Amino acid sequence: MNAQTVFIATLRVKEGREADLERLQSELSALAHDREPGTLVYDILKSRERPRTYVVYARFRDQAAFEYHQHTDFHDRLVPGIVDCLASQFEIEFFDYVA
């Protein structure tokens, strides 16, 4: 069995763009859950400690499911707006799911 692919991305948002980011990320999460059977988790978390800092936690059935996610029409439509909300380049790290 292929390992489940996980990423954790940290996003620092421009001041005043928090609502835009939350709206876009929430739409991306809902569409990923609804239209991507290989997307097991796609959650957006807001830091309690660091202002305007969010984390995206996503877990995919396998690498192919992650690659499918990267090429959906709604991903291509929403991600440019998400990136526009950011104050700096997002940080992303990939993991293999263990348990």
Protein backbone atom coordinates (compact mmCIF):
# COMPACT_ATOMS: atom_id res chain seq x y z
CA MET A 1 0.00 0.00 0.00
CA ASN A 2 1.26 3.48 -0.84
CA ALA A 3 1.88 5.85 2.04
CA GLN A 4 -0.65 8.59 2.56
CA THR A 5 0.78 11.98 1.56
CA VAL A 6 0.46 14.82 4.05
CA PHE A 7 1.43 18.45 3.84
CA ILE A 8 1.49 21.18 6.41
CA ALA A 9 1.67 24.71 5.04
CA THR A 10 2.18 27.84 7.12
CA LEU A 11 0.69 31.03 5.69
CA ARG A 12 1.32 34.55 6.95
CA VAL A 13 -1.38 36.89 5.75
CA LYS A 14 -1.26 40.58 4.90
CA GLU A 15 -2.98 42.78 7.45
CA GLY A 16 -6.62 43.23 6.50
CA ARG A 17 -6.71 40.17 4.19
CA GLU A 18 -7.63 37.60 6.83
CA ALA A 19 -11.30 37.38 5.80
CA ASP A 20 -10.34 36.97 2.13
CA LEU A 21 -7.93 34.16 2.95
CA GLU A 22 -10.44 32.41 5.19
CA ARG A 23 -13.16 32.61 2.51
CA LEU A 24 -10.90 31.27 -0.24
CA GLN A 25 -9.36 28.52 1.88
CA SER A 26 -12.77 27.47 3.18
CA GLU A 27 -14.05 27.16 -0.38
CA LEU A 28 -10.97 25.16 -1.39
CA SER A 29 -11.41 22.86 1.60
CA ALA A 30 -15.11 22.28 0.89
CA LEU A 31 -14.49 21.54 -2.79
CA ALA A 32 -11.57 19.23 -2.01
CA HIS A 33 -13.72 17.24 0.42
CA ASP A 34 -16.69 17.15 -1.98
CA ARG A 35 -14.95 16.45 -5.29
CA GLU A 36 -11.74 14.62 -4.43
CA PRO A 37 -12.29 11.13 -3.04
CA GLY A 38 -8.54 10.86 -2.44
CA THR A 39 -8.49 13.91 -0.16
CA LEU A 40 -8.97 12.57 3.35
CA VAL A 41 -8.41 15.80 5.29
CA TYR A 42 -8.08 19.44 4.24
CA ASP A 43 -8.23 21.70 7.29
CA ILE A 44 -7.40 25.36 7.81
CA LEU A 45 -6.21 26.38 11.27
CA LYS A 46 -5.77 29.90 12.66
CA SER A 47 -2.98 30.48 15.17
CA ARG A 48 -3.97 31.70 18.60
CA GLU A 49 -0.43 32.89 19.30
CA ARG A 50 0.76 34.47 16.05
CA PRO A 51 -1.39 37.18 14.45
CA ARG A 52 -2.40 36.61 10.81
CA THR A 53 -0.81 33.14 10.77
CA TYR A 54 -2.67 30.12 9.43
CA VAL A 55 -1.77 26.49 8.92
CA VAL A 56 -3.21 24.20 6.28
CA TYR A 57 -3.15 20.50 7.13
CA ALA A 58 -4.00 18.19 4.24
CA ARG A 59 -3.86 14.41 3.98
CA PHE A 60 -4.29 12.47 0.75
CA ARG A 61 -4.82 8.76 0.10
CA ASP A 62 -1.51 8.68 -1.80
CA GLN A 63 0.80 10.82 -3.92
CA ALA A 64 -1.46 10.43 -6.96
CA ALA A 65 -4.39 11.92 -5.00
CA PHE A 66 -2.22 14.88 -4.01
CA GLU A 67 -1.21 15.42 -7.64
CA TYR A 68 -4.86 15.21 -8.68
CA HIS A 69 -5.68 17.92 -6.11
CA GLN A 70 -2.97 20.15 -7.55
CA HIS A 71 -4.57 20.02 -11.01
CA THR A 72 -8.25 20.56 -10.30
CA ASP A 73 -9.99 23.50 -11.94
CA PHE A 74 -11.02 24.96 -8.59
CA HIS A 75 -7.44 24.71 -7.26
CA ASP A 76 -6.23 26.67 -10.29
CA ARG A 77 -9.02 29.23 -9.73
CA LEU A 78 -8.61 29.73 -5.96
CA VAL A 79 -4.87 29.46 -5.28
CA PRO A 80 -3.82 32.70 -7.04
CA GLY A 81 -6.22 34.63 -4.78
CA ILE A 82 -4.88 32.82 -1.73
CA VAL A 83 -1.29 33.64 -2.68
CA ASP A 84 -2.29 37.28 -3.20
CA CYS A 85 -3.40 37.41 0.46
CA LEU A 86 0.02 36.35 1.75
CA ALA A 87 2.57 38.70 3.28
CA SER A 88 5.41 36.31 2.44
CA GLN A 89 6.11 33.04 0.67
CA PHE A 90 4.25 30.19 2.37
CA GLU A 91 6.23 27.44 4.05
CA ILE A 92 5.28 23.87 3.17
CA GLU A 93 6.56 20.54 4.44
CA PHE A 94 5.56 17.05 3.26
CA PHE A 95 5.13 13.97 5.44
CA ASP A 96 4.13 10.33 5.21
CA TYR A 97 1.14 9.53 7.42
CA VAL A 98 1.95 7.02 10.15
CA ALA A 99 -1.19 6.62 12.31
